PDB file of all heavy atoms in Angstrom:
ATOM      1  N   PHE A   1       2.198  -6.688   1.860  1.00  0.00           N
ATOM      2  CA  PHE A   1       2.640  -8.054   1.581  1.00  0.00           C
ATOM      3  C   PHE A   1       1.515  -9.064   1.750  1.00  0.00           C
ATOM      4  O   PHE A   1       1.499 -10.098   1.091  1.00  0.00           O
ATOM      5  CB  PHE A   1       3.816  -8.437   2.478  1.00  0.00           C
ATOM      6  CG  PHE A   1       5.113  -7.842   2.027  1.00  0.00           C
ATOM      7  CD1 PHE A   1       5.705  -6.822   2.754  1.00  0.00           C
ATOM      8  CD2 PHE A   1       5.730  -8.281   0.878  1.00  0.00           C
ATOM      9  CE1 PHE A   1       6.900  -6.264   2.352  1.00  0.00           C
ATOM     10  CE2 PHE A   1       6.923  -7.722   0.450  1.00  0.00           C
ATOM     11  CZ  PHE A   1       7.504  -6.715   1.193  1.00  0.00           C
ATOM     12  N   ARG A   2       0.556  -8.789   2.615  1.00  0.00           N
ATOM     13  CA  ARG A   2      -0.534  -9.731   2.889  1.00  0.00           C
ATOM     14  C   ARG A   2      -1.590  -9.734   1.793  1.00  0.00           C
ATOM     15  O   ARG A   2      -2.284 -10.728   1.589  1.00  0.00           O
ATOM     16  CB  ARG A   2      -1.184  -9.373   4.223  1.00  0.00           C
ATOM     17  CG  ARG A   2      -2.288 -10.309   4.616  1.00  0.00           C
ATOM     18  CD  ARG A   2      -2.833  -9.973   5.957  1.00  0.00           C
ATOM     19  NE  ARG A   2      -1.847 -10.329   6.968  1.00  0.00           N
ATOM     20  CZ  ARG A   2      -1.802  -9.819   8.173  1.00  0.00           C
ATOM     21  NH1 ARG A   2      -2.673  -8.928   8.551  1.00  0.00           N
ATOM     22  NH2 ARG A   2      -0.887 -10.203   9.036  1.00  0.00           N
ATOM     23  N   ASP A   3      -1.730  -8.637   1.057  1.00  0.00           N
ATOM     24  CA  ASP A   3      -2.801  -8.496   0.075  1.00  0.00           C
ATOM     25  C   ASP A   3      -2.518  -9.348  -1.157  1.00  0.00           C
ATOM     26  O   ASP A   3      -1.608  -9.067  -1.929  1.00  0.00           O
ATOM     27  CB  ASP A   3      -2.953  -7.028  -0.310  1.00  0.00           C
ATOM     28  CG  ASP A   3      -4.194  -6.773  -1.136  1.00  0.00           C
ATOM     29  OD1 ASP A   3      -4.957  -7.721  -1.368  1.00  0.00           O
ATOM     30  OD2 ASP A   3      -4.400  -5.615  -1.527  1.00  0.00           O
ATOM     31  N   ASP A   4      -3.332 -10.380  -1.341  1.00  0.00           N
ATOM     32  CA  ASP A   4      -3.144 -11.274  -2.488  1.00  0.00           C
ATOM     33  C   ASP A   4      -3.711 -10.697  -3.778  1.00  0.00           C
ATOM     34  O   ASP A   4      -3.425 -11.202  -4.855  1.00  0.00           O
ATOM     35  CB  ASP A   4      -3.804 -12.633  -2.208  1.00  0.00           C
ATOM     36  CG  ASP A   4      -3.094 -13.396  -1.110  1.00  0.00           C
ATOM     37  OD1 ASP A   4      -1.881 -13.181  -0.922  1.00  0.00           O
ATOM     38  OD2 ASP A   4      -3.760 -14.212  -0.435  1.00  0.00           O
ATOM     39  N   SER A   5      -4.523  -9.651  -3.679  1.00  0.00           N
ATOM     40  CA  SER A   5      -5.112  -9.075  -4.891  1.00  0.00           C
ATOM     41  C   SER A   5      -4.116  -8.172  -5.637  1.00  0.00           C
ATOM     42  O   SER A   5      -4.336  -7.857  -6.801  1.00  0.00           O
ATOM     43  CB  SER A   5      -6.375  -8.284  -4.548  1.00  0.00           C
ATOM     44  OG  SER A   5      -6.056  -7.139  -3.788  1.00  0.00           O
ATOM     45  N   LEU A   6      -3.041  -7.766  -4.975  1.00  0.00           N
ATOM     46  CA  LEU A   6      -2.022  -6.931  -5.628  1.00  0.00           C
ATOM     47  C   LEU A   6      -1.026  -7.802  -6.370  1.00  0.00           C
ATOM     48  O   LEU A   6      -0.611  -8.851  -5.875  1.00  0.00           O
ATOM     49  CB  LEU A   6      -1.274  -6.093  -4.591  1.00  0.00           C
ATOM     50  CG  LEU A   6      -2.000  -4.925  -3.943  1.00  0.00           C
ATOM     51  CD1 LEU A   6      -1.116  -4.293  -2.871  1.00  0.00           C
ATOM     52  CD2 LEU A   6      -2.392  -3.893  -4.970  1.00  0.00           C
ATOM     53  N   SER A   7      -0.640  -7.345  -7.543  1.00  0.00           N
ATOM     54  CA  SER A   7       0.415  -8.046  -8.277  1.00  0.00           C
ATOM     55  C   SER A   7       1.765  -7.725  -7.642  1.00  0.00           C
ATOM     56  O   SER A   7       1.879  -6.848  -6.788  1.00  0.00           O
ATOM     57  CB  SER A   7       0.411  -7.595  -9.737  1.00  0.00           C
ATOM     58  OG  SER A   7       0.844  -6.245  -9.838  1.00  0.00           O
ATOM     59  N   GLY A   8       2.775  -8.416  -8.083  1.00  0.00           N
ATOM     60  CA  GLY A   8       4.117  -8.164  -7.561  1.00  0.00           C
ATOM     61  C   GLY A   8       4.585  -6.752  -7.854  1.00  0.00           C
ATOM     62  O   GLY A   8       5.233  -6.108  -7.026  1.00  0.00           O
ATOM     63  N   TRP A   9       4.266  -6.250  -9.051  1.00  0.00           N
ATOM     64  CA  TRP A   9       4.668  -4.893  -9.409  1.00  0.00           C
ATOM     65  C   TRP A   9       3.925  -3.862  -8.572  1.00  0.00           C
ATOM     66  O   TRP A   9       4.494  -2.849  -8.170  1.00  0.00           O
ATOM     67  CB  TRP A   9       4.446  -4.630 -10.902  1.00  0.00           C
ATOM     68  CG  TRP A   9       5.444  -5.354 -11.747  1.00  0.00           C
ATOM     69  CD1 TRP A   9       5.214  -6.435 -12.537  1.00  0.00           C
ATOM     70  CD2 TRP A   9       6.833  -5.058 -11.861  1.00  0.00           C
ATOM     71  NE1 TRP A   9       6.381  -6.841 -13.140  1.00  0.00           N
ATOM     72  CE2 TRP A   9       7.397  -6.001 -12.743  1.00  0.00           C
ATOM     73  CE3 TRP A   9       7.669  -4.097 -11.299  1.00  0.00           C
ATOM     74  CZ2 TRP A   9       8.737  -6.007 -13.080  1.00  0.00           C
ATOM     75  CZ3 TRP A   9       9.017  -4.094 -11.636  1.00  0.00           C
ATOM     76  CH2 TRP A   9       9.532  -5.041 -12.519  1.00  0.00           C
ATOM     77  N   ALA A  10       2.655  -4.114  -8.312  1.00  0.00           N
ATOM     78  CA  ALA A  10       1.879  -3.176  -7.488  1.00  0.00           C
ATOM     79  C   ALA A  10       2.422  -3.159  -6.059  1.00  0.00           C
ATOM     80  O   ALA A  10       2.537  -2.092  -5.444  1.00  0.00           O
ATOM     81  CB  ALA A  10       0.403  -3.560  -7.498  1.00  0.00           C
ATOM     82  N   LYS A  11       2.760  -4.339  -5.543  1.00  0.00           N
ATOM     83  CA  LYS A  11       3.337  -4.398  -4.201  1.00  0.00           C
ATOM     84  C   LYS A  11       4.662  -3.647  -4.160  1.00  0.00           C
ATOM     85  O   LYS A  11       4.946  -2.907  -3.212  1.00  0.00           O
ATOM     86  CB  LYS A  11       3.543  -5.849  -3.765  1.00  0.00           C
ATOM     87  CG  LYS A  11       2.254  -6.566  -3.439  1.00  0.00           C
ATOM     88  CD  LYS A  11       2.517  -7.986  -2.985  1.00  0.00           C
ATOM     89  CE  LYS A  11       1.198  -8.690  -2.733  1.00  0.00           C
ATOM     90  NZ  LYS A  11       1.362 -10.025  -2.192  1.00  0.00           N
ATOM     91  N   THR A  12       5.464  -3.837  -5.187  1.00  0.00           N
ATOM     92  CA  THR A  12       6.746  -3.137  -5.251  1.00  0.00           C
ATOM     93  C   THR A  12       6.535  -1.626  -5.313  1.00  0.00           C
ATOM     94  O   THR A  12       7.227  -0.868  -4.625  1.00  0.00           O
ATOM     95  CB  THR A  12       7.548  -3.607  -6.479  1.00  0.00           C
ATOM     96  OG1 THR A  12       7.723  -5.021  -6.400  1.00  0.00           O
ATOM     97  CG2 THR A  12       8.896  -2.923  -6.556  1.00  0.00           C
ATOM     98  N   GLY A  13       5.581  -1.187  -6.121  1.00  0.00           N
ATOM     99  CA  GLY A  13       5.302   0.247  -6.238  1.00  0.00           C
ATOM    100  C   GLY A  13       4.854   0.848  -4.916  1.00  0.00           C
ATOM    101  O   GLY A  13       5.361   1.903  -4.507  1.00  0.00           O
ATOM    102  N   TRP A  14       3.916   0.187  -4.224  1.00  0.00           N
ATOM    103  CA  TRP A  14       3.459   0.695  -2.936  1.00  0.00           C
ATOM    104  C   TRP A  14       4.588   0.691  -1.916  1.00  0.00           C
ATOM    105  O   TRP A  14       4.733   1.629  -1.120  1.00  0.00           O
ATOM    106  CB  TRP A  14       2.284  -0.127  -2.405  1.00  0.00           C
ATOM    107  CG  TRP A  14       0.966   0.277  -2.975  1.00  0.00           C
ATOM    108  CD1 TRP A  14       0.169  -0.473  -3.784  1.00  0.00           C
ATOM    109  CD2 TRP A  14       0.286   1.513  -2.778  1.00  0.00           C
ATOM    110  NE1 TRP A  14      -0.962   0.232  -4.100  1.00  0.00           N
ATOM    111  CE2 TRP A  14      -0.921   1.452  -3.494  1.00  0.00           C
ATOM    112  CE3 TRP A  14       0.576   2.667  -2.069  1.00  0.00           C
ATOM    113  CZ2 TRP A  14      -1.832   2.493  -3.510  1.00  0.00           C
ATOM    114  CZ3 TRP A  14      -0.328   3.714  -2.084  1.00  0.00           C
ATOM    115  CH2 TRP A  14      -1.521   3.625  -2.798  1.00  0.00           C
ATOM    116  N   LEU A  15       5.391  -0.355  -1.930  1.00  0.00           N
ATOM    117  CA  LEU A  15       6.490  -0.456  -0.971  1.00  0.00           C
ATOM    118  C   LEU A  15       7.515   0.647  -1.199  1.00  0.00           C
ATOM    119  O   LEU A  15       7.955   1.304  -0.242  1.00  0.00           O
ATOM    120  CB  LEU A  15       7.134  -1.839  -1.064  1.00  0.00           C
ATOM    121  CG  LEU A  15       8.116  -2.206   0.030  1.00  0.00           C
ATOM    122  CD1 LEU A  15       7.428  -2.190   1.390  1.00  0.00           C
ATOM    123  CD2 LEU A  15       8.696  -3.584  -0.229  1.00  0.00           C
ATOM    124  N   VAL A  16       7.886   0.876  -2.438  1.00  0.00           N
ATOM    125  CA  VAL A  16       8.838   1.949  -2.751  1.00  0.00           C
ATOM    126  C   VAL A  16       8.246   3.303  -2.357  1.00  0.00           C
ATOM    127  O   VAL A  16       8.925   4.144  -1.763  1.00  0.00           O
ATOM    128  CB  VAL A  16       9.222   1.920  -4.250  1.00  0.00           C
ATOM    129  CG1 VAL A  16       9.950   3.185  -4.662  1.00  0.00           C
ATOM    130  CG2 VAL A  16      10.079   0.688  -4.537  1.00  0.00           C
ATOM    131  N   PHE A  17       6.961   3.500  -2.666  1.00  0.00           N
ATOM    132  CA  PHE A  17       6.295   4.762  -2.338  1.00  0.00           C
ATOM    133  C   PHE A  17       6.291   5.004  -0.828  1.00  0.00           C
ATOM    134  O   PHE A  17       6.562   6.114  -0.363  1.00  0.00           O
ATOM    135  CB  PHE A  17       4.867   4.730  -2.889  1.00  0.00           C
ATOM    136  CG  PHE A  17       4.142   6.047  -2.831  1.00  0.00           C
ATOM    137  CD1 PHE A  17       4.794   7.259  -3.010  1.00  0.00           C
ATOM    138  CD2 PHE A  17       2.780   6.065  -2.626  1.00  0.00           C
ATOM    139  CE1 PHE A  17       4.117   8.459  -2.965  1.00  0.00           C
ATOM    140  CE2 PHE A  17       2.087   7.268  -2.574  1.00  0.00           C
ATOM    141  CZ  PHE A  17       2.754   8.466  -2.748  1.00  0.00           C
ATOM    142  N   THR A  18       6.018   3.954  -0.031  1.00  0.00           N
ATOM    143  CA  THR A  18       5.968   4.141   1.424  1.00  0.00           C
ATOM    144  C   THR A  18       7.353   4.259   2.040  1.00  0.00           C
ATOM    145  O   THR A  18       7.491   4.831   3.120  1.00  0.00           O
ATOM    146  CB  THR A  18       5.213   2.984   2.115  1.00  0.00           C
ATOM    147  OG1 THR A  18       5.810   1.750   1.778  1.00  0.00           O
ATOM    148  CG2 THR A  18       3.754   2.992   1.737  1.00  0.00           C
ATOM    149  N   ILE A  19       8.380   3.757   1.380  1.00  0.00           N
ATOM    150  CA  ILE A  19       9.731   3.873   1.937  1.00  0.00           C
ATOM    151  C   ILE A  19      10.398   5.175   1.499  1.00  0.00           C
ATOM    152  O   ILE A  19      11.039   5.849   2.305  1.00  0.00           O
ATOM    153  CB  ILE A  19      10.579   2.643   1.549  1.00  0.00           C
ATOM    154  CG1 ILE A  19      10.056   1.414   2.298  1.00  0.00           C
ATOM    155  CG2 ILE A  19      12.051   2.861   1.853  1.00  0.00           C
ATOM    156  CD1 ILE A  19      10.708   0.116   1.924  1.00  0.00           C
ATOM    157  N   VAL A  20      10.232   5.558   0.222  1.00  0.00           N
ATOM    158  CA  VAL A  20      10.875   6.771  -0.279  1.00  0.00           C
ATOM    159  C   VAL A  20      10.190   8.022   0.270  1.00  0.00           C
ATOM    160  O   VAL A  20      10.853   8.964   0.697  1.00  0.00           O
ATOM    161  CB  VAL A  20      10.877   6.772  -1.828  1.00  0.00           C
ATOM    162  CG1 VAL A  20      11.359   8.096  -2.377  1.00  0.00           C
ATOM    163  CG2 VAL A  20      11.752   5.636  -2.344  1.00  0.00           C
ATOM    164  N   LEU A  21       8.875   8.035   0.266  1.00  0.00           N
ATOM    165  CA  LEU A  21       8.109   9.163   0.811  1.00  0.00           C
ATOM    166  C   LEU A  21       7.185   8.620   1.902  1.00  0.00           C
ATOM    167  O   LEU A  21       5.982   8.469   1.684  1.00  0.00           O
ATOM    168  CB  LEU A  21       7.279   9.829  -0.289  1.00  0.00           C
ATOM    169  CG  LEU A  21       8.057  10.441  -1.454  1.00  0.00           C
ATOM    170  CD1 LEU A  21       7.115  10.845  -2.569  1.00  0.00           C
ATOM    171  CD2 LEU A  21       8.840  11.645  -0.962  1.00  0.00           C
ATOM    172  N   PRO A  22       7.733   8.309   3.074  1.00  0.00           N
ATOM    173  CA  PRO A  22       6.945   7.562   4.061  1.00  0.00           C
ATOM    174  C   PRO A  22       5.662   8.252   4.514  1.00  0.00           C
ATOM    175  O   PRO A  22       4.625   7.607   4.577  1.00  0.00           O
ATOM    176  CB  PRO A  22       7.902   7.368   5.233  1.00  0.00           C
ATOM    177  CG  PRO A  22       9.077   8.213   4.971  1.00  0.00           C
ATOM    178  CD  PRO A  22       9.073   8.602   3.542  1.00  0.00           C
ATOM    179  N   PHE A  23       5.709   9.548   4.805  1.00  0.00           N
ATOM    180  CA  PHE A  23       4.489  10.211   5.287  1.00  0.00           C
ATOM    181  C   PHE A  23       3.427  10.241   4.194  1.00  0.00           C
ATOM    182  O   PHE A  23       2.297   9.806   4.399  1.00  0.00           O
ATOM    183  CB  PHE A  23       4.793  11.633   5.777  1.00  0.00           C
ATOM    184  CG  PHE A  23       5.577  11.653   7.048  1.00  0.00           C
ATOM    185  CD1 PHE A  23       6.910  11.989   7.059  1.00  0.00           C
ATOM    186  CD2 PHE A  23       4.963  11.315   8.246  1.00  0.00           C
ATOM    187  CE1 PHE A  23       7.635  11.992   8.232  1.00  0.00           C
ATOM    188  CE2 PHE A  23       5.680  11.317   9.435  1.00  0.00           C
ATOM    189  CZ  PHE A  23       7.030  11.652   9.422  1.00  0.00           C
ATOM    190  N   LEU A  24       3.793  10.720   3.027  1.00  0.00           N
ATOM    191  CA  LEU A  24       2.848  10.802   1.929  1.00  0.00           C
ATOM    192  C   LEU A  24       2.419   9.401   1.476  1.00  0.00           C
ATOM    193  O   LEU A  24       1.235   9.148   1.241  1.00  0.00           O
ATOM    194  CB  LEU A  24       3.469  11.579   0.749  1.00  0.00           C
ATOM    195  CG  LEU A  24       2.568  11.797  -0.457  1.00  0.00           C
ATOM    196  CD1 LEU A  24       1.363  12.645  -0.052  1.00  0.00           C
ATOM    197  CD2 LEU A  24       3.346  12.450  -1.581  1.00  0.00           C
ATOM    198  N   GLY A  25       3.370   8.492   1.374  1.00  0.00           N
ATOM    199  CA  GLY A  25       3.061   7.128   0.920  1.00  0.00           C
ATOM    200  C   GLY A  25       2.079   6.414   1.830  1.00  0.00           C
ATOM    201  O   GLY A  25       1.120   5.794   1.368  1.00  0.00           O
ATOM    202  N   VAL A  26       2.272   6.523   3.141  1.00  0.00           N
ATOM    203  CA  VAL A  26       1.383   5.857   4.088  1.00  0.00           C
ATOM    204  C   VAL A  26       0.006   6.494   4.058  1.00  0.00           C
ATOM    205  O   VAL A  26      -1.015   5.796   4.040  1.00  0.00           O
ATOM    206  CB  VAL A  26       1.982   5.880   5.515  1.00  0.00           C
ATOM    207  CG1 VAL A  26       0.941   5.499   6.545  1.00  0.00           C
ATOM    208  CG2 VAL A  26       3.156   4.931   5.590  1.00  0.00           C
ATOM    209  N   PHE A  27      -0.053   7.818   4.030  1.00  0.00           N
ATOM    210  CA  PHE A  27      -1.350   8.476   4.016  1.00  0.00           C
ATOM    211  C   PHE A  27      -2.117   8.177   2.725  1.00  0.00           C
ATOM    212  O   PHE A  27      -3.319   7.924   2.762  1.00  0.00           O
ATOM    213  CB  PHE A  27      -1.204   9.985   4.225  1.00  0.00           C
ATOM    214  CG  PHE A  27      -0.774  10.335   5.616  1.00  0.00           C
ATOM    215  CD1 PHE A  27       0.243  11.246   5.839  1.00  0.00           C
ATOM    216  CD2 PHE A  27      -1.379   9.744   6.721  1.00  0.00           C
ATOM    217  CE1 PHE A  27       0.640  11.574   7.121  1.00  0.00           C
ATOM    218  CE2 PHE A  27      -0.986  10.061   8.009  1.00  0.00           C
ATOM    219  CZ  PHE A  27       0.032  10.973   8.214  1.00  0.00           C
ATOM    220  N   VAL A  28      -1.432   8.171   1.591  1.00  0.00           N
ATOM    221  CA  VAL A  28      -2.098   7.837   0.325  1.00  0.00           C
ATOM    222  C   VAL A  28      -2.566   6.384   0.349  1.00  0.00           C
ATOM    223  O   VAL A  28      -3.671   6.073  -0.082  1.00  0.00           O
ATOM    224  CB  VAL A  28      -1.162   8.109  -0.875  1.00  0.00           C
ATOM    225  CG1 VAL A  28      -1.730   7.531  -2.154  1.00  0.00           C
ATOM    226  CG2 VAL A  28      -0.923   9.609  -1.025  1.00  0.00           C
ATOM    227  N   TYR A  29      -1.737   5.479   0.886  1.00  0.00           N
ATOM    228  CA  TYR A  29      -2.128   4.063   0.961  1.00  0.00           C
ATOM    229  C   TYR A  29      -3.363   3.891   1.838  1.00  0.00           C
ATOM    230  O   TYR A  29      -4.292   3.167   1.486  1.00  0.00           O
ATOM    231  CB  TYR A  29      -0.974   3.216   1.512  1.00  0.00           C
ATOM    232  CG  TYR A  29      -1.285   1.743   1.502  1.00  0.00           C
ATOM    233  CD1 TYR A  29      -1.059   0.989   0.366  1.00  0.00           C
ATOM    234  CD2 TYR A  29      -1.819   1.103   2.615  1.00  0.00           C
ATOM    235  CE1 TYR A  29      -1.350  -0.359   0.332  1.00  0.00           C
ATOM    236  CE2 TYR A  29      -2.121  -0.238   2.602  1.00  0.00           C
ATOM    237  CZ  TYR A  29      -1.880  -0.979   1.455  1.00  0.00           C
ATOM    238  OH  TYR A  29      -2.186  -2.302   1.425  1.00  0.00           O
ATOM    239  N   VAL A  30      -3.381   4.551   2.995  1.00  0.00           N
ATOM    240  CA  VAL A  30      -4.516   4.418   3.907  1.00  0.00           C
ATOM    241  C   VAL A  30      -5.784   4.986   3.264  1.00  0.00           C
ATOM    242  O   VAL A  30      -6.864   4.402   3.394  1.00  0.00           O
ATOM    243  CB  VAL A  30      -4.216   5.102   5.260  1.00  0.00           C
ATOM    244  CG1 VAL A  30      -5.461   5.211   6.109  1.00  0.00           C
ATOM    245  CG2 VAL A  30      -3.141   4.325   6.003  1.00  0.00           C
ATOM    246  N   VAL A  31      -5.660   6.103   2.534  1.00  0.00           N
ATOM    247  CA  VAL A  31      -6.835   6.671   1.868  1.00  0.00           C
ATOM    248  C   VAL A  31      -7.292   5.755   0.731  1.00  0.00           C
ATOM    249  O   VAL A  31      -8.487   5.479   0.581  1.00  0.00           O
ATOM    250  CB  VAL A  31      -6.532   8.093   1.351  1.00  0.00           C
ATOM    251  CG1 VAL A  31      -7.625   8.581   0.416  1.00  0.00           C
ATOM    252  CG2 VAL A  31      -6.362   9.051   2.514  1.00  0.00           C
ATOM    253  N   ALA A  32      -6.345   5.265  -0.070  1.00  0.00           N
ATOM    254  CA  ALA A  32      -6.701   4.482  -1.246  1.00  0.00           C
ATOM    255  C   ALA A  32      -7.118   3.055  -0.904  1.00  0.00           C
ATOM    256  O   ALA A  32      -8.043   2.516  -1.512  1.00  0.00           O
ATOM    257  CB  ALA A  32      -5.520   4.456  -2.224  1.00  0.00           C
ATOM    258  N   ARG A  33      -6.453   2.430   0.041  1.00  0.00           N
ATOM    259  CA  ARG A  33      -6.693   1.020   0.305  1.00  0.00           C
ATOM    260  C   ARG A  33      -7.033   0.722   1.762  1.00  0.00           C
ATOM    261  O   ARG A  33      -7.093  -0.426   2.171  1.00  0.00           O
ATOM    262  CB  ARG A  33      -5.456   0.212  -0.103  1.00  0.00           C
ATOM    263  CG  ARG A  33      -5.115   0.426  -1.575  1.00  0.00           C
ATOM    264  CD  ARG A  33      -4.033  -0.470  -2.060  1.00  0.00           C
ATOM    265  NE  ARG A  33      -4.180  -1.831  -1.671  1.00  0.00           N
ATOM    266  CZ  ARG A  33      -4.926  -2.752  -2.301  1.00  0.00           C
ATOM    267  NH1 ARG A  33      -5.608  -2.406  -3.353  1.00  0.00           N
ATOM    268  NH2 ARG A  33      -4.966  -3.994  -1.878  1.00  0.00           N
ATOM    269  N   GLY A  34      -7.268   1.742   2.552  1.00  0.00           N
ATOM    270  CA  GLY A  34      -7.509   1.569   3.979  1.00  0.00           C
ATOM    271  C   GLY A  34      -8.773   0.792   4.304  1.00  0.00           C
ATOM    272  O   GLY A  34      -8.844   0.093   5.306  1.00  0.00           O
ATOM    273  N   LYS A  35      -9.796   0.927   3.456  1.00  0.00           N
ATOM    274  CA  LYS A  35     -11.055   0.242   3.721  1.00  0.00           C
ATOM    275  C   LYS A  35     -10.862  -1.280   3.746  1.00  0.00           C
ATOM    276  O   LYS A  35     -11.469  -1.972   4.545  1.00  0.00           O
ATOM    277  CB  LYS A  35     -12.077   0.629   2.654  1.00  0.00           C
ATOM    278  CG  LYS A  35     -13.456   0.085   2.906  1.00  0.00           C
ATOM    279  CD  LYS A  35     -14.439   0.594   1.873  1.00  0.00           C
ATOM    280  CE  LYS A  35     -15.830   0.093   2.182  1.00  0.00           C
ATOM    281  NZ  LYS A  35     -16.797   0.557   1.187  1.00  0.00           N
ATOM    282  N   GLY A  36     -10.000  -1.782   2.902  1.00  0.00           N
ATOM    283  CA  GLY A  36      -9.766  -3.223   2.836  1.00  0.00           C
ATOM    284  C   GLY A  36      -8.772  -3.736   3.863  1.00  0.00           C
ATOM    285  O   GLY A  36      -8.655  -4.944   4.060  1.00  0.00           O
ATOM    286  N   MET A  37      -8.048  -2.819   4.527  1.00  0.00           N
ATOM    287  CA  MET A  37      -7.044  -3.263   5.502  1.00  0.00           C
ATOM    288  C   MET A  37      -7.691  -4.057   6.633  1.00  0.00           C
ATOM    289  O   MET A  37      -7.190  -5.107   7.029  1.00  0.00           O
ATOM    290  CB  MET A  37      -6.269  -2.075   6.068  1.00  0.00           C
ATOM    291  CG  MET A  37      -5.268  -1.478   5.108  1.00  0.00           C
ATOM    292  SD  MET A  37      -4.450  -0.013   5.769  1.00  0.00           S
ATOM    293  CE  MET A  37      -3.375  -0.731   6.985  1.00  0.00           C
ATOM    294  N   GLY A  38      -8.788  -3.569   7.155  1.00  0.00           N
ATOM    295  CA  GLY A  38      -9.478  -4.255   8.247  1.00  0.00           C
ATOM    296  C   GLY A  38     -10.004  -5.607   7.811  1.00  0.00           C
ATOM    297  O   GLY A  38      -9.902  -6.594   8.539  1.00  0.00           O
ATOM    298  N   LYS A  39     -10.567  -5.672   6.611  1.00  0.00           N
ATOM    299  CA  LYS A  39     -11.094  -6.951   6.108  1.00  0.00           C
ATOM    300  C   LYS A  39      -9.967  -7.961   5.909  1.00  0.00           C
ATOM    301  O   LYS A  39     -10.116  -9.132   6.256  1.00  0.00           O
ATOM    302  CB  LYS A  39     -11.856  -6.732   4.808  1.00  0.00           C
ATOM    303  CG  LYS A  39     -12.440  -8.023   4.255  1.00  0.00           C
ATOM    304  CD  LYS A  39     -13.457  -7.772   3.201  1.00  0.00           C
ATOM    305  CE  LYS A  39     -14.034  -9.011   2.588  1.00  0.00           C
ATOM    306  NZ  LYS A  39     -13.798 -10.278   3.194  1.00  0.00           N
ATOM    307  N   ARG A  40      -8.847  -7.497   5.364  1.00  0.00           N
ATOM    308  CA  ARG A  40      -7.717  -8.416   5.178  1.00  0.00           C
ATOM    309  C   ARG A  40      -7.190  -8.906   6.520  1.00  0.00           C
ATOM    310  O   ARG A  40      -6.831 -10.075   6.661  1.00  0.00           O
ATOM    311  CB  ARG A  40      -6.612  -7.728   4.369  1.00  0.00           C
ATOM    312  CG  ARG A  40      -6.937  -7.629   2.894  1.00  0.00           C
ATOM    313  CD  ARG A  40      -5.768  -7.120   2.086  1.00  0.00           C
ATOM    314  NE  ARG A  40      -5.470  -5.714   2.333  1.00  0.00           N
ATOM    315  CZ  ARG A  40      -6.092  -4.701   1.753  1.00  0.00           C
ATOM    316  NH1 ARG A  40      -7.054  -4.924   0.893  1.00  0.00           N
ATOM    317  NH2 ARG A  40      -5.741  -3.457   2.019  1.00  0.00           N
TER     318      ARG A  40
END
């Protein structure tokens, strides 16, 4: 929700992915976007 670079659809996709498949969704998110989490 904090990431302003994501569109609304991208936020919705990540949110659904992390809620429907929480373990896989969180791990994929951390691998794909984890580098920017600290900066944000």
